[in-house]
N, C-alpha and C. Protein backbone atom coordinates (compact mmCIF):
# COMPACT_ATOMS: atom_id res chain seq x y z
N MET A 1 -3.90 38.16 -114.06
CA MET A 1 -3.32 39.66 -114.65
C MET A 1 -4.44 40.22 -114.81
N PHE A 2 -4.18 41.53 -114.62
CA PHE A 2 -5.71 42.69 -115.27
C PHE A 2 -5.28 43.49 -116.22
N LYS A 3 -6.22 44.55 -116.94
CA LYS A 3 -5.66 45.20 -118.02
C LYS A 3 -7.28 46.24 -117.35
N VAL A 4 -6.46 47.60 -117.94
CA VAL A 4 -7.42 48.75 -117.76
C VAL A 4 -8.06 48.73 -119.09
N ILE A 5 -9.62 49.31 -119.63
CA ILE A 5 -9.84 49.68 -120.74
C ILE A 5 -11.23 50.56 -120.47
N ALA A 6 -11.76 51.48 -121.93
CA ALA A 6 -12.55 52.37 -121.41
C ALA A 6 -13.53 51.71 -122.26
N VAL A 7 -14.70 51.56 -122.01
CA VAL A 7 -15.73 51.59 -122.96
C VAL A 7 -16.81 52.46 -123.11
N ASP A 8 -17.56 52.38 -124.44
CA ASP A 8 -18.09 53.58 -124.97
C ASP A 8 -20.21 52.88 -124.86
N SER A 9 -20.71 54.23 -124.91
CA SER A 9 -22.27 53.86 -124.90
C SER A 9 -22.46 52.44 -126.40
N ASN A 10 -21.46 52.42 -127.25
CA ASN A 10 -21.57 51.42 -128.59
C ASN A 10 -20.92 50.60 -128.46
N GLN A 11 -20.54 50.58 -127.30
CA GLN A 11 -19.36 49.25 -127.27
C GLN A 11 -17.62 49.10 -127.41
N VAL A 12 -17.58 50.81 -128.03
CA VAL A 12 -16.25 50.35 -128.46
C VAL A 12 -15.61 50.82 -127.54
N LYS A 13 -14.61 49.64 -127.33
CA LYS A 13 -13.68 49.34 -126.08
C LYS A 13 -12.21 50.27 -127.08
N LEU A 14 -11.57 50.61 -125.58
CA LEU A 14 -10.30 51.39 -126.32
C LEU A 14 -9.37 50.41 -124.96
N GLU A 15 -7.87 50.39 -125.53
CA GLU A 15 -7.52 49.76 -124.26
C GLU A 15 -6.11 51.10 -124.27
N PHE A 16 -5.36 50.41 -123.26
CA PHE A 16 -4.01 51.42 -122.94
C PHE A 16 -2.91 51.02 -123.40
N ALA A 17 -2.01 51.31 -123.88
CA ALA A 17 -0.67 51.41 -124.70
C ALA A 17 0.40 52.07 -124.33
N SER A 18 1.50 51.31 -123.92
CA SER A 18 2.87 52.61 -123.61
C SER A 18 3.35 53.37 -125.59
N LYS A 19 4.19 53.50 -125.42
CA LYS A 19 4.60 54.81 -127.17
C LYS A 19 4.96 53.57 -127.79
N ASP A 20 5.47 52.30 -127.50
CA ASP A 20 6.25 51.39 -127.96
C ASP A 20 4.92 50.22 -128.06
N GLY A 21 4.40 50.40 -128.21
CA GLY A 21 2.56 49.93 -128.58
C GLY A 21 2.30 48.82 -127.60
N LYS A 22 3.14 48.46 -126.69
CA LYS A 22 2.20 47.39 -125.51
C LYS A 22 1.61 47.49 -124.80
N ASN A 23 0.54 46.49 -124.93
CA ASN A 23 -0.60 47.29 -123.64
C ASN A 23 -0.38 46.95 -121.92
N PHE A 24 -0.89 47.83 -121.73
CA PHE A 24 -0.42 48.37 -119.94
C PHE A 24 -1.50 46.82 -119.48
N THR A 25 -0.48 45.89 -118.43
CA THR A 25 -1.21 44.80 -118.06
C THR A 25 -0.71 45.33 -116.15
N PHE A 26 -1.41 44.24 -115.27
CA PHE A 26 -1.01 44.66 -113.96
C PHE A 26 -1.39 43.36 -113.45
N GLU A 27 -0.08 43.02 -112.49
CA GLU A 27 -0.11 41.57 -111.61
C GLU A 27 -1.48 41.99 -110.67
N THR A 28 -1.18 42.77 -110.07
CA THR A 28 -2.73 43.03 -109.12
C THR A 28 -4.07 43.74 -109.40
N TYR A 29 -4.98 43.54 -108.85
CA TYR A 29 -6.35 44.62 -109.09
C TYR A 29 -5.69 45.87 -108.39
N GLU A 30 -5.12 45.62 -107.56
CA GLU A 30 -5.00 47.53 -106.54
C GLU A 30 -3.67 48.22 -107.90
N GLU A 31 -2.75 47.49 -108.42
CA GLU A 31 -2.11 48.39 -109.34
C GLU A 31 -2.50 48.62 -110.22
N ALA A 32 -3.73 47.74 -111.07
CA ALA A 32 -4.84 48.69 -112.50
C ALA A 32 -5.44 49.59 -111.98
N GLU A 33 -6.49 49.36 -110.54
CA GLU A 33 -7.43 50.71 -109.58
C GLU A 33 -6.44 51.35 -109.99
N SER A 34 -4.87 51.71 -109.33
CA SER A 34 -4.47 52.54 -109.72
C SER A 34 -4.15 53.31 -110.62
N PHE A 35 -3.70 53.04 -111.79
CA PHE A 35 -3.37 53.09 -112.99
C PHE A 35 -5.19 54.05 -113.56
N MET A 36 -6.35 53.32 -113.34
CA MET A 36 -7.19 53.72 -113.75
C MET A 36 -7.67 54.61 -112.62
N GLN A 37 -7.23 55.33 -111.85
CA GLN A 37 -7.25 56.57 -111.21
C GLN A 37 -6.66 57.56 -111.24
N GLU A 38 -5.27 57.39 -112.20
CA GLU A 38 -4.44 57.67 -113.41
C GLU A 38 -5.05 58.53 -114.07
N VAL A 39 -5.89 57.67 -115.10
CA VAL A 39 -6.69 57.86 -116.02
C VAL A 39 -7.61 58.94 -115.67
N LYS A 40 -8.33 58.67 -114.96
CA LYS A 40 -9.61 59.49 -114.75
C LYS A 40 -9.40 60.77 -114.00
N ALA A 41 -8.12 60.77 -113.47
CA ALA A 41 -7.64 62.15 -113.14
C ALA A 41 -7.21 62.87 -113.80
N LYS A 42 -6.45 62.80 -115.13
CA LYS A 42 -6.61 63.16 -116.07
C LYS A 42 -7.28 64.30 -116.95
N ASP A 43 -8.53 63.41 -116.70
CA ASP A 43 -9.76 63.96 -117.87
C ASP A 43 -9.27 64.03 -119.09
N THR A 44 -9.35 63.16 -120.01
CA THR A 44 -8.36 63.36 -121.19
C THR A 44 -9.64 62.18 -121.92
N LEU A 45 -9.89 61.38 -121.15
CA LEU A 45 -11.23 60.93 -122.17
C LEU A 45 -12.67 61.40 -122.36
N PRO A 46 -13.36 61.75 -123.38
CA PRO A 46 -14.67 62.16 -123.38
C PRO A 46 -15.49 61.02 -122.48
N GLU A 47 -16.87 61.98 -121.68
CA GLU A 47 -17.38 61.66 -120.78
C GLU A 47 -18.08 60.28 -121.07
N ARG A 48 -18.43 59.93 -122.39
CA ARG A 48 -19.45 59.09 -122.38
C ARG A 48 -18.38 57.89 -122.59
N TYR A 49 -17.18 57.77 -122.29
CA TYR A 49 -16.38 56.74 -121.78
C TYR A 49 -16.18 56.41 -120.66
N ARG A 50 -16.22 54.67 -120.04
CA ARG A 50 -16.93 54.50 -118.83
C ARG A 50 -15.06 53.31 -118.44
N VAL A 51 -14.16 53.73 -117.69
CA VAL A 51 -13.06 53.54 -117.05
C VAL A 51 -13.52 51.86 -116.79
N LEU A 52 -13.25 50.52 -116.93
CA LEU A 52 -12.98 49.36 -116.07
C LEU A 52 -11.90 49.27 -115.98
N ILE A 53 -11.87 48.11 -115.24
CA ILE A 53 -10.92 46.86 -115.09
C ILE A 53 -10.70 45.52 -115.61
N LYS A 54 -10.45 44.48 -115.89
CA LYS A 54 -11.11 43.97 -116.38
C LYS A 54 -9.53 42.85 -116.62
N LYS A 55 -10.80 41.39 -115.90
CA LYS A 55 -9.68 40.51 -115.69
C LYS A 55 -9.04 39.74 -116.75
N ILE A 56 -8.13 39.55 -117.13
CA ILE A 56 -7.30 38.71 -118.25
C ILE A 56 -6.46 37.17 -117.97
N ASP A 57 -6.25 36.50 -118.73
CA ASP A 57 -5.83 35.13 -118.42
C ASP A 57 -4.48 34.73 -118.82
């Protein structure tokens, strides 16, 4: 399982969640990568954030 997070220079981490508060998780790296590309394309996060894929157990 994977999740997409955003991290700024102060190591503040953002997790992406749906409107009902459930964190987005992905079965495959490719699904997470696709979501990450969507996030980057929307260009809504400040430039100081890096968007990353994190493996979870």
